Amino acid sequence: MARVAFLGLGVMGYPMAGHLQKSDHQLTVYNRTRSKADHWLEEFEGESATTPKGAVYNAEFVMACVGNDDDLRSIFLGENGALLGMAPGSIFVDHTTVSAKVTRELSDCARKAGVGYIDAPISGGQAGAEAGELVVMCGGDPDLFCRIEPLIKVYAKKCVLLGGSGAGQMAKMVNQICIAGLLQGLSEGLHFAEKAGLDAVAVIDVIAGGAAGSWQMANRHQTMLNDEFDHGFAVDWMRKDLKICLDTAEELHASLPVTALVDQFYKDVQRMNGGRWDTSSLFKRLQDFSGTRQSKD
């Protein structure tokens, strides 16, 4: 049994913290909106705190899953932030998708304070978090990784160390780049099938077992055709992630033309009041635009 603090009880953090509590770890949770923490306590028990600093008192491991760079910096370094309360030798594990730049900044602050830091962004969406089947991409010191890996595997089916500080975030960028292209391709394929008068479900049944197959195809084609776009990661968050990808690509002199284009398509979805729709809503954009209207910056 480990003493664990979990900071952030959103759609991902809520079930992840729940898995840890059900695995008999000693958990203290913190959430900016107090009502979410109260609801979590009703479902899973454990303890809660009103500040990140209070939550991490006596914790061996601190897990965080918040919104963006600013949110992470605030809960880690801000007034009553986690670093002020963490004991030397404890480890901070960040599951937020943020820039590698802020990761390295906070990792350096942690090192100076005698605290370990692992960046560990996640993939698998809300369904993966609820099922305990996330994929976790990690960056940091190998010795620290060995200590936190068993804990992460409580809610993950795969957890891999990919390099030093920031490597996990870089890998998550690769993940988001690939997903953006896959979903646009799937959306265009389904849109074309409908325009051609084909049975789109039958077509997917045929091609999913071949070279075109993907998780997105297997798990999202039917919901897309059903006009259901409430199955996970929201467009607003995807645009946040793609901005990180595109900004980092500019720094690296990497070319991401398709990613940049899909990012603008997601901007169109936001204009359709679809910011909270899931990322497969690229298909709805094609239906509404009929493939003829040009996206405007």
C-alpha atoms as a PDB file:
ATOM      1  CA  MET A   1       0.000   0.000   0.000  1.00  0.00           C
ATOM      2  CA  ALA A   2       1.372   3.389  -1.038  1.00  0.00           C
ATOM      3  CA  ARG A   3       0.506   6.862   0.211  1.00  0.00           C
ATOM      4  CA  VAL A   4      -0.693   8.695  -2.900  1.00  0.00           C
ATOM      5  CA  ALA A   5      -2.043  12.154  -3.688  1.00  0.00           C
ATOM      6  CA  PHE A   6      -4.074  12.655  -6.863  1.00  0.00           C
ATOM      7  CA  LEU A   7      -4.500  16.197  -8.182  1.00  0.00           C
ATOM      8  CA  GLY A   8      -7.252  16.744 -10.740  1.00  0.00           C
ATOM      9  CA  LEU A   9     -10.525  14.811 -10.937  1.00  0.00           C
ATOM     10  CA  GLY A  10     -11.693  15.514 -14.472  1.00  0.00           C
ATOM     11  CA  VAL A  11     -13.023  12.919 -16.897  1.00  0.00           C
ATOM     12  CA  MET A  12      -9.658  11.123 -16.826  1.00  0.00           C
ATOM     13  CA  GLY A  13      -8.377  11.760 -13.323  1.00  0.00           C
ATOM     14  CA  TYR A  14     -11.627  10.816 -11.586  1.00  0.00           C
ATOM     15  CA  PRO A  15     -11.605   7.139 -12.654  1.00  0.00           C
ATOM     16  CA  MET A  16      -7.805   6.874 -12.463  1.00  0.00           C
ATOM     17  CA  ALA A  17      -7.856   7.956  -8.832  1.00  0.00           C
ATOM     18  CA  GLY A  18     -10.722   5.555  -8.275  1.00  0.00           C
ATOM     19  CA  HIS A  19      -8.661   2.615  -9.515  1.00  0.00           C
ATOM     20  CA  LEU A  20      -5.886   3.502  -7.077  1.00  0.00           C
ATOM     21  CA  GLN A  21      -8.307   3.725  -4.164  1.00  0.00           C
ATOM     22  CA  LYS A  22      -9.897   0.385  -5.053  1.00  0.00           C
ATOM     23  CA  SER A  23      -6.410  -1.141  -5.143  1.00  0.00           C
ATOM     24  CA  ASP A  24      -6.082  -0.361  -1.424  1.00  0.00           C
ATOM     25  CA  HIS A  25      -3.652   2.523  -1.760  1.00  0.00           C
ATOM     26  CA  GLN A  26      -3.998   5.325   0.775  1.00  0.00           C
ATOM     27  CA  LEU A  27      -5.345   8.176  -1.336  1.00  0.00           C
ATOM     28  CA  THR A  28      -5.834  11.895  -0.815  1.00  0.00           C
ATOM     29  CA  VAL A  29      -7.417  13.816  -3.689  1.00  0.00           C
ATOM     30  CA  TYR A  30      -7.554  17.467  -4.667  1.00  0.00           C
ATOM     31  CA  ASN A  31      -9.732  19.154  -7.271  1.00  0.00           C
ATOM     32  CA  ARG A  32     -10.111  22.866  -8.002  1.00  0.00           C
ATOM     33  CA  THR A  33     -13.913  22.465  -8.025  1.00  0.00           C
ATOM     34  CA  ARG A  34     -14.654  21.137  -4.572  1.00  0.00           C
ATOM     35  CA  SER A  35     -17.942  19.462  -5.533  1.00  0.00           C
ATOM     36  CA  LYS A  36     -16.119  16.992  -7.782  1.00  0.00           C
ATOM     37  CA  ALA A  37     -13.876  15.943  -4.908  1.00  0.00           C
ATOM     38  CA  ASP A  38     -16.924  15.534  -2.670  1.00  0.00           C
ATOM     39  CA  HIS A  39     -18.610  13.356  -5.289  1.00  0.00           C
ATOM     40  CA  TRP A  40     -15.459  11.257  -5.658  1.00  0.00           C
ATOM     41  CA  LEU A  41     -15.299  10.725  -1.893  1.00  0.00           C
ATOM     42  CA  GLU A  42     -18.912   9.550  -1.861  1.00  0.00           C
ATOM     43  CA  GLU A  43     -18.089   6.932  -4.482  1.00  0.00           C
ATOM     44  CA  PHE A  44     -14.614   5.807  -3.446  1.00  0.00           C
ATOM     45  CA  GLU A  45     -14.020   7.104   0.117  1.00  0.00           C
ATOM     46  CA  GLY A  46     -10.400   8.119   0.845  1.00  0.00           C
ATOM     47  CA  GLU A  47      -9.537  11.684   1.886  1.00  0.00           C
ATOM     48  CA  SER A  48      -9.485  15.095   0.236  1.00  0.00           C
ATOM     49  CA  ALA A  49      -7.660  18.394   0.723  1.00  0.00           C
ATOM     50  CA  THR A  50      -8.467  21.971  -0.175  1.00  0.00           C
ATOM     51  CA  THR A  51      -5.035  22.737  -1.686  1.00  0.00           C
ATOM     52  CA  PRO A  52      -2.401  20.789  -3.643  1.00  0.00           C
ATOM     53  CA  LYS A  53       0.048  21.425  -0.804  1.00  0.00           C
ATOM     54  CA  GLY A  54      -2.364  19.919   1.686  1.00  0.00           C
ATOM     55  CA  ALA A  55      -3.078  16.908  -0.500  1.00  0.00           C
ATOM     56  CA  VAL A  56       0.571  15.894  -0.867  1.00  0.00           C
ATOM     57  CA  TYR A  57       1.413  15.957   2.828  1.00  0.00           C
ATOM     58  CA  ASN A  58       3.129  12.656   3.693  1.00  0.00           C
ATOM     59  CA  ALA A  59       2.568  11.287   0.147  1.00  0.00           C
ATOM     60  CA  GLU A  60       5.186   9.051  -1.470  1.00  0.00           C
ATOM     61  CA  PHE A  61       3.719   9.614  -4.925  1.00  0.00           C
ATOM     62  CA  VAL A  62       1.802  12.554  -6.363  1.00  0.00           C
ATOM     63  CA  MET A  63      -0.187  12.019  -9.558  1.00  0.00           C
ATOM     64  CA  ALA A  64      -1.580  14.978 -11.502  1.00  0.00           C
ATOM     65  CA  CYS A  65      -4.034  15.177 -14.392  1.00  0.00           C
ATOM     66  CA  VAL A  66      -5.139  18.739 -15.091  1.00  0.00           C
ATOM     67  CA  GLY A  67      -5.852  20.899 -18.139  1.00  0.00           C
ATOM     68  CA  ASN A  68      -2.851  22.685 -19.604  1.00  0.00           C
ATOM     69  CA  ASP A  69       0.575  24.226 -18.990  1.00  0.00           C
ATOM     70  CA  ASP A  70      -0.771  27.005 -16.805  1.00  0.00           C
ATOM     71  CA  ASP A  71      -2.901  24.654 -14.710  1.00  0.00           C
ATOM     72  CA  LEU A  72       0.043  22.330 -14.154  1.00  0.00           C
ATOM     73  CA  ARG A  73       2.430  25.132 -13.258  1.00  0.00           C
ATOM     74  CA  SER A  74      -0.148  26.496 -10.814  1.00  0.00           C
ATOM     75  CA  ILE A  75      -0.763  23.269  -8.911  1.00  0.00           C
ATOM     76  CA  PHE A  76       2.965  22.480  -8.807  1.00  0.00           C
ATOM     77  CA  LEU A  77       4.637  25.848  -8.200  1.00  0.00           C
ATOM     78  CA  GLY A  78       1.835  28.207  -7.237  1.00  0.00           C
ATOM     79  CA  GLU A  79       0.751  29.478  -3.858  1.00  0.00           C
ATOM     80  CA  ASN A  80      -0.062  26.330  -1.844  1.00  0.00           C
ATOM     81  CA  GLY A  81       1.343  24.304  -4.753  1.00  0.00           C
ATOM     82  CA  ALA A  82       2.387  20.674  -4.464  1.00  0.00           C
ATOM     83  CA  LEU A  83       6.132  21.296  -4.451  1.00  0.00           C
ATOM     84  CA  LEU A  84       5.814  23.281  -1.219  1.00  0.00           C
ATOM     85  CA  GLY A  85       4.461  20.218   0.572  1.00  0.00           C
ATOM     86  CA  MET A  86       6.272  17.312  -1.065  1.00  0.00           C
ATOM     87  CA  ALA A  87       8.842  15.438   0.997  1.00  0.00           C
ATOM     88  CA  PRO A  88      12.362  14.878  -0.373  1.00  0.00           C
ATOM     89  CA  GLY A  89      12.495  11.569  -2.220  1.00  0.00           C
ATOM     90  CA  SER A  90       8.820  11.611  -3.207  1.00  0.00           C
ATOM     91  CA  ILE A  91       7.855  11.524  -6.904  1.00  0.00           C
ATOM     92  CA  PHE A  92       5.565  13.785  -8.917  1.00  0.00           C
ATOM     93  CA  VAL A  93       3.938  12.029 -11.902  1.00  0.00           C
ATOM     94  CA  ASP A  94       2.280  14.314 -14.452  1.00  0.00           C
ATOM     95  CA  HIS A  95      -0.411  12.730 -16.637  1.00  0.00           C
ATOM     96  CA  THR A  96      -1.422  16.048 -18.211  1.00  0.00           C
ATOM     97  CA  THR A  97      -0.699  16.632 -21.888  1.00  0.00           C
ATOM     98  CA  VAL A  98       1.490  19.730 -21.804  1.00  0.00           C
ATOM     99  CA  SER A  99       4.495  21.142 -23.629  1.00  0.00           C
ATOM    100  CA  ALA A 100       7.890  19.527 -23.203  1.00  0.00           C
ATOM    101  CA  LYS A 101       9.127  23.009 -22.299  1.00  0.00           C
ATOM    102  CA  VAL A 102       7.020  23.269 -19.131  1.00  0.00           C
ATOM    103  CA  THR A 103       7.820  19.654 -18.310  1.00  0.00           C
ATOM    104  CA  ARG A 104      11.545  20.345 -18.304  1.00  0.00           C
ATOM    105  CA  GLU A 105      11.032  23.548 -16.336  1.00  0.00           C
ATOM    106  CA  LEU A 106       9.087  21.786 -13.589  1.00  0.00           C
ATOM    107  CA  SER A 107      11.374  18.763 -13.612  1.00  0.00           C
ATOM    108  CA  ASP A 108      14.320  21.059 -12.963  1.00  0.00           C
ATOM    109  CA  CYS A 109      12.468  22.736 -10.076  1.00  0.00           C
ATOM    110  CA  ALA A 110      11.672  19.318  -8.628  1.00  0.00           C
ATOM    111  CA  ARG A 111      15.277  18.169  -8.884  1.00  0.00           C
ATOM    112  CA  LYS A 112      16.508  21.232  -7.021  1.00  0.00           C
ATOM    113  CA  ALA A 113      14.000  20.486  -4.251  1.00  0.00           C
ATOM    114  CA  GLY A 114      15.073  16.845  -3.984  1.00  0.00           C
ATOM    115  CA  VAL A 115      11.839  15.588  -5.553  1.00  0.00           C
ATOM    116  CA  GLY A 116      11.483  13.167  -8.471  1.00  0.00           C
ATOM    117  CA  TYR A 117       9.531  14.107 -11.601  1.00  0.00           C
ATOM    118  CA  ILE A 118       8.133  11.901 -14.365  1.00  0.00           C
ATOM    119  CA  ASP A 119       6.138  13.177 -17.333  1.00  0.00           C
ATOM    120  CA  ALA A 120       3.556  10.524 -18.149  1.00  0.00           C
ATOM    121  CA  PRO A 121       0.872  11.691 -20.618  1.00  0.00           C
ATOM    122  CA  ILE A 122      -1.873   9.204 -21.343  1.00  0.00           C
ATOM    123  CA  SER A 123      -3.839   7.866 -24.291  1.00  0.00           C
ATOM    124  CA  GLY A 124      -7.033   5.850 -24.346  1.00  0.00           C
ATOM    125  CA  GLY A 125      -9.683   8.428 -23.597  1.00  0.00           C
ATOM    126  CA  GLN A 126     -12.364   8.382 -20.933  1.00  0.00           C
ATOM    127  CA  ALA A 127     -13.297   4.790 -21.779  1.00  0.00           C
ATOM    128  CA  GLY A 128      -9.699   3.676 -21.290  1.00  0.00           C
ATOM    129  CA  ALA A 129      -9.473   5.512 -17.965  1.00  0.00           C
ATOM    130  CA  GLU A 130     -12.696   3.948 -16.707  1.00  0.00           C
ATOM    131  CA  ALA A 131     -11.618   0.460 -17.802  1.00  0.00           C
ATOM    132  CA  GLY A 132      -8.088   0.843 -16.424  1.00  0.00           C
ATOM    133  CA  GLU A 133      -6.618   0.262 -19.881  1.00  0.00           C
ATOM    134  CA  LEU A 134      -4.718   3.461 -20.621  1.00  0.00           C
ATOM    135  CA  VAL A 135      -1.434   3.693 -22.510  1.00  0.00           C
ATOM    136  CA  VAL A 136       1.156   5.807 -20.691  1.00  0.00           C
ATOM    137  CA  MET A 137       4.212   7.397 -22.339  1.00  0.00           C
ATOM    138  CA  CYS A 138       6.878   8.359 -19.826  1.00  0.00           C
ATOM    139  CA  GLY A 139       9.958  10.550 -19.669  1.00  0.00           C
ATOM    140  CA  GLY A 140      12.427  10.850 -16.825  1.00  0.00           C
ATOM    141  CA  ASP A 141      14.991   8.998 -14.751  1.00  0.00           C
ATOM    142  CA  PRO A 142      14.908   5.180 -15.128  1.00  0.00           C
ATOM    143  CA  ASP A 143      15.199   4.582 -11.365  1.00  0.00           C
ATOM    144  CA  LEU A 144      12.223   6.837 -10.710  1.00  0.00           C
ATOM    145  CA  PHE A 145      10.276   5.114 -13.460  1.00  0.00           C
ATOM    146  CA  CYS A 146      10.859   1.714 -11.866  1.00  0.00           C
ATOM    147  CA  ARG A 147       9.351   3.017  -8.648  1.00  0.00           C
ATOM    148  CA  ILE A 148       6.198   4.458 -10.197  1.00  0.00           C
ATOM    149  CA  GLU A 149       5.536   1.852 -12.906  1.00  0.00           C
ATOM    150  CA  PRO A 150       3.630  -0.602 -10.647  1.00  0.00           C
ATOM    151  CA  LEU A 151       1.394   2.231  -9.462  1.00  0.00           C
ATOM    152  CA  ILE A 152       0.602   3.442 -12.981  1.00  0.00           C
ATOM    153  CA  LYS A 153      -0.208  -0.084 -14.095  1.00  0.00           C
ATOM    154  CA  VAL A 154      -3.176  -0.051 -11.731  1.00  0.00           C
ATOM    155  CA  TYR A 155      -4.988   1.964 -14.427  1.00  0.00           C
ATOM    156  CA  ALA A 156      -2.872   1.288 -17.525  1.00  0.00           C
ATOM    157  CA  LYS A 157      -2.416  -1.677 -19.835  1.00  0.00           C
ATOM    158  CA  LYS A 158       0.890  -0.327 -21.102  1.00  0.00           C
ATOM    159  CA  CYS A 159       3.468   1.970 -19.503  1.00  0.00           C
ATOM    160  CA  VAL A 160       6.766   2.657 -21.272  1.00  0.00           C
ATOM    161  CA  LEU A 161       9.780   4.875 -20.512  1.00  0.00           C
ATOM    162  CA  LEU A 162      10.836   6.563 -23.758  1.00  0.00           C
ATOM    163  CA  GLY A 163      13.743   8.737 -22.645  1.00  0.00           C
ATOM    164  CA  GLY A 164      14.671  11.618 -20.380  1.00  0.00           C
ATOM    165  CA  SER A 165      12.505  14.468 -19.148  1.00  0.00           C
ATOM    166  CA  GLY A 166      10.047  15.562 -21.845  1.00  0.00           C
ATOM    167  CA  ALA A 167      10.239  12.331 -23.864  1.00  0.00           C
ATOM    168  CA  GLY A 168       6.781  11.279 -22.716  1.00  0.00           C
ATOM    169  CA  GLN A 169       5.292  14.570 -23.861  1.00  0.00           C
ATOM    170  CA  MET A 170       7.072  14.331 -27.209  1.00  0.00           C
ATOM    171  CA  ALA A 171       5.637  10.823 -27.683  1.00  0.00           C
ATOM    172  CA  LYS A 172       2.155  12.104 -26.840  1.00  0.00           C
ATOM    173  CA  MET A 173       2.574  14.700 -29.576  1.00  0.00           C
ATOM    174  CA  VAL A 174       3.289  11.883 -32.031  1.00  0.00           C
ATOM    175  CA  ASN A 175       0.122  10.173 -30.788  1.00  0.00           C
ATOM    176  CA  GLN A 176      -2.025  13.261 -31.391  1.00  0.00           C
ATOM    177  CA  ILE A 177      -0.474  13.919 -34.797  1.00  0.00           C
ATOM    178  CA  CYS A 178      -1.351  10.373 -35.876  1.00  0.00           C
ATOM    179  CA  ILE A 179      -4.879  10.516 -34.472  1.00  0.00           C
ATOM    180  CA  ALA A 180      -5.630  13.791 -36.256  1.00  0.00           C
ATOM    181  CA  GLY A 181      -4.692  12.327 -39.626  1.00  0.00           C
ATOM    182  CA  LEU A 182      -6.473   9.026 -38.973  1.00  0.00           C
ATOM    183  CA  LEU A 183      -9.750  10.680 -38.013  1.00  0.00           C
ATOM    184  CA  GLN A 184      -9.733  12.996 -40.996  1.00  0.00           C
ATOM    185  CA  GLY A 185      -9.052  10.048 -43.303  1.00  0.00           C
ATOM    186  CA  LEU A 186     -11.826   7.986 -41.707  1.00  0.00           C
ATOM    187  CA  SER A 187     -14.229  10.924 -41.908  1.00  0.00           C
ATOM    188  CA  GLU A 188     -13.489  11.441 -45.590  1.00  0.00           C
ATOM    189  CA  GLY A 189     -13.859   7.714 -46.294  1.00  0.00           C
ATOM    190  CA  LEU A 190     -17.264   7.527 -44.606  1.00  0.00           C
ATOM    191  CA  HIS A 191     -18.356  10.758 -46.299  1.00  0.00           C
ATOM    192  CA  PHE A 192     -17.320   9.403 -49.693  1.00  0.00           C
ATOM    193  CA  ALA A 193     -19.100   6.086 -49.069  1.00  0.00           C
ATOM    194  CA  GLU A 194     -22.344   7.889 -48.272  1.00  0.00           C
ATOM    195  CA  LYS A 195     -22.066  10.149 -51.328  1.00  0.00           C
ATOM    196  CA  ALA A 196     -21.420   7.084 -53.488  1.00  0.00           C
ATOM    197  CA  GLY A 197     -24.588   5.405 -52.200  1.00  0.00           C
ATOM    198  CA  LEU A 198     -22.689   2.587 -50.482  1.00  0.00           C
ATOM    199  CA  ASP A 199     -23.615   0.857 -47.244  1.00  0.00           C
ATOM    200  CA  ALA A 200     -20.885   2.497 -45.153  1.00  0.00           C
ATOM    201  CA  VAL A 201     -21.114  -0.090 -42.363  1.00  0.00           C
ATOM    202  CA  ALA A 202     -20.671  -2.919 -44.841  1.00  0.00           C
ATOM    203  CA  VAL A 203     -17.706  -1.164 -46.410  1.00  0.00           C
ATOM    204  CA  ILE A 204     -16.028  -0.720 -43.029  1.00  0.00           C
ATOM    205  CA  ASP A 205     -16.676  -4.365 -42.202  1.00  0.00           C
ATOM    206  CA  VAL A 206     -14.727  -5.316 -45.327  1.00  0.00           C
ATOM    207  CA  ILE A 207     -11.807  -2.900 -45.090  1.00  0.00           C
ATOM    208  CA  ALA A 208     -11.281  -2.885 -41.315  1.00  0.00           C
ATOM    209  CA  GLY A 209      -9.466  -6.213 -41.509  1.00  0.00           C
ATOM    210  CA  GLY A 210      -7.039  -4.924 -44.133  1.00  0.00           C
ATOM    211  CA  ALA A 211      -4.373  -2.257 -44.351  1.00  0.00           C
ATOM    212  CA  ALA A 212      -6.872   0.575 -43.695  1.00  0.00           C
ATOM    213  CA  GLY A 213      -7.896  -0.796 -40.306  1.00  0.00           C
ATOM    214  CA  SER A 214      -7.349   1.195 -37.109  1.00  0.00           C
ATOM    215  CA  TRP A 215      -8.706   1.548 -33.572  1.00  0.00           C
ATOM    216  CA  GLN A 216     -10.592   4.642 -34.675  1.00  0.00           C
ATOM    217  CA  MET A 217     -12.197   2.754 -37.538  1.00  0.00           C
ATOM    218  CA  ALA A 218     -13.200  -0.180 -35.345  1.00  0.00           C
ATOM    219  CA  ASN A 219     -14.535   1.903 -32.465  1.00  0.00           C
ATOM    220  CA  ARG A 220     -15.840   5.126 -33.980  1.00  0.00           C
ATOM    221  CA  HIS A 221     -17.293   4.463 -37.444  1.00  0.00           C
ATOM    222  CA  GLN A 222     -20.726   3.452 -36.126  1.00  0.00           C
ATOM    223  CA  THR A 223     -21.028   6.352 -33.681  1.00  0.00           C
ATOM    224  CA  MET A 224     -19.967   8.753 -36.425  1.00  0.00           C
ATOM    225  CA  LEU A 225     -22.622   7.393 -38.767  1.00  0.00           C
ATOM    226  CA  ASN A 226     -25.154   7.619 -35.905  1.00  0.00           C
ATOM    227  CA  ASP A 227     -24.347  11.317 -35.459  1.00  0.00           C
ATOM    228  CA  GLU A 228     -23.093  10.642 -31.923  1.00  0.00           C
ATOM    229  CA  PHE A 229     -20.143  12.738 -30.858  1.00  0.00           C
ATOM    230  CA  ASP A 230     -20.048  12.438 -27.087  1.00  0.00           C
ATOM    231  CA  HIS A 231     -17.640   9.510 -26.817  1.00  0.00           C
ATOM    232  CA  GLY A 232     -14.519  10.963 -25.284  1.00  0.00           C
ATOM    233  CA  PHE A 233     -11.794  13.503 -25.938  1.00  0.00           C
ATOM    234  CA  ALA A 234     -13.250  16.906 -26.798  1.00  0.00           C
ATOM    235  CA  VAL A 235     -12.367  19.069 -29.786  1.00  0.00           C
ATOM    236  CA  ASP A 236     -11.388  21.964 -27.500  1.00  0.00           C
ATOM    237  CA  TRP A 237      -8.758  19.783 -25.832  1.00  0.00           C
ATOM    238  CA  MET A 238      -7.565  18.376 -29.147  1.00  0.00           C
ATOM    239  CA  ARG A 239      -6.929  21.883 -30.443  1.00  0.00           C
ATOM    240  CA  LYS A 240      -4.944  22.622 -27.292  1.00  0.00           C
ATOM    241  CA  ASP A 241      -2.838  19.521 -27.961  1.00  0.00           C
ATOM    242  CA  LEU A 242      -2.387  20.245 -31.655  1.00  0.00           C
ATOM    243  CA  LYS A 243      -1.167  23.754 -30.841  1.00  0.00           C
ATOM    244  CA  ILE A 244       1.524  22.160 -28.683  1.00  0.00           C
ATOM    245  CA  CYS A 245       2.410  19.842 -31.576  1.00  0.00           C
ATOM    246  CA  LEU A 246       2.575  22.645 -34.130  1.00  0.00           C
ATOM    247  CA  ASP A 247       4.545  25.003 -31.874  1.00  0.00           C
ATOM    248  CA  THR A 248       7.035  22.241 -31.099  1.00  0.00           C
ATOM    249  CA  ALA A 249       7.297  21.291 -34.771  1.00  0.00           C
ATOM    250  CA  GLU A 250       8.231  24.881 -35.582  1.00  0.00           C
ATOM    251  CA  GLU A 251      10.986  24.759 -32.952  1.00  0.00           C
ATOM    252  CA  LEU A 252      12.258  21.445 -34.376  1.00  0.00           C
ATOM    253  CA  HIS A 253      11.912  22.540 -38.034  1.00  0.00           C
ATOM    254  CA  ALA A 254       9.576  19.571 -38.567  1.00  0.00           C
ATOM    255  CA  SER A 255       6.918  19.719 -41.282  1.00  0.00           C
ATOM    256  CA  LEU A 256       3.328  18.880 -40.233  1.00  0.00           C
ATOM    257  CA  PRO A 257       1.137  20.073 -43.123  1.00  0.00           C
ATOM    258  CA  VAL A 258      -1.701  17.579 -42.565  1.00  0.00           C
ATOM    259  CA  THR A 259      -1.778  18.253 -38.825  1.00  0.00           C
ATOM    260  CA  ALA A 260      -1.965  21.997 -39.458  1.00  0.00           C
ATOM    261  CA  LEU A 261      -4.843  21.486 -41.903  1.00  0.00           C
ATOM    262  CA  VAL A 262      -6.798  19.210 -39.542  1.00  0.00           C
ATOM    263  CA  ASP A 263      -6.300  21.750 -36.755  1.00  0.00           C
ATOM    264  CA  GLN A 264      -8.131  24.291 -38.932  1.00  0.00           C
ATOM    265  CA  PHE A 265     -10.883  21.754 -39.586  1.00  0.00           C
ATOM    266  CA  TYR A 266     -11.313  21.426 -35.821  1.00  0.00           C
ATOM    267  CA  LYS A 267     -11.585  25.215 -35.675  1.00  0.00           C
ATOM    268  CA  ASP A 268     -14.525  24.878 -38.071  1.00  0.00           C
ATOM    269  CA  VAL A 269     -16.093  22.354 -35.674  1.00  0.00           C
ATOM    270  CA  GLN A 270     -15.707  24.863 -32.845  1.00  0.00           C
ATOM    271  CA  ARG A 271     -17.513  27.430 -34.995  1.00  0.00           C
ATOM    272  CA  MET A 272     -20.324  24.888 -35.298  1.00  0.00           C
ATOM    273  CA  ASN A 273     -20.586  25.003 -31.482  1.00  0.00           C
ATOM    274  CA  GLY A 274     -18.905  21.609 -31.383  1.00  0.00           C
ATOM    275  CA  GLY A 275     -16.052  22.376 -29.024  1.00  0.00           C
ATOM    276  CA  ARG A 276     -17.286  19.744 -26.572  1.00  0.00           C
ATOM    277  CA  TRP A 277     -17.978  17.141 -29.248  1.00  0.00           C
ATOM    278  CA  ASP A 278     -15.459  14.327 -29.466  1.00  0.00           C
ATOM    279  CA  THR A 279     -12.682  14.362 -32.051  1.00  0.00           C
ATOM    280  CA  SER A 280     -14.538  12.120 -34.503  1.00  0.00           C
ATOM    281  CA  SER A 281     -16.813  15.123 -35.218  1.00  0.00           C
ATOM    282  CA  LEU A 282     -14.609  15.887 -38.219  1.00  0.00           C
ATOM    283  CA  PHE A 283     -17.161  13.712 -40.013  1.00  0.00           C
ATOM    284  CA  LYS A 284     -19.996  16.045 -39.008  1.00  0.00           C
ATOM    285  CA  ARG A 285     -18.016  18.947 -40.417  1.00  0.00           C
ATOM    286  CA  LEU A 286     -17.855  17.198 -43.796  1.00  0.00           C
ATOM    287  CA  GLN A 287     -21.576  16.460 -43.721  1.00  0.00           C
ATOM    288  CA  ASP A 288     -22.432  20.071 -42.938  1.00  0.00           C
ATOM    289  CA  PHE A 289     -19.909  21.538 -45.368  1.00  0.00           C
ATOM    290  CA  SER A 290     -20.718  18.931 -48.061  1.00  0.00           C
ATOM    291  CA  GLY A 291     -17.017  18.848 -48.871  1.00  0.00           C
ATOM    292  CA  THR A 292     -17.212  22.124 -50.825  1.00  0.00           C
ATOM    293  CA  ARG A 293     -16.877  25.005 -48.384  1.00  0.00           C
ATOM    294  CA  GLN A 294     -13.303  26.044 -47.626  1.00  0.00           C
ATOM    295  CA  SER A 295     -12.071  26.319 -44.054  1.00  0.00           C
ATOM    296  CA  LYS A 296     -11.197  29.935 -43.144  1.00  0.00           C
ATOM    297  CA  ASP A 297      -8.478  30.881 -40.714  1.00  0.00           C
END
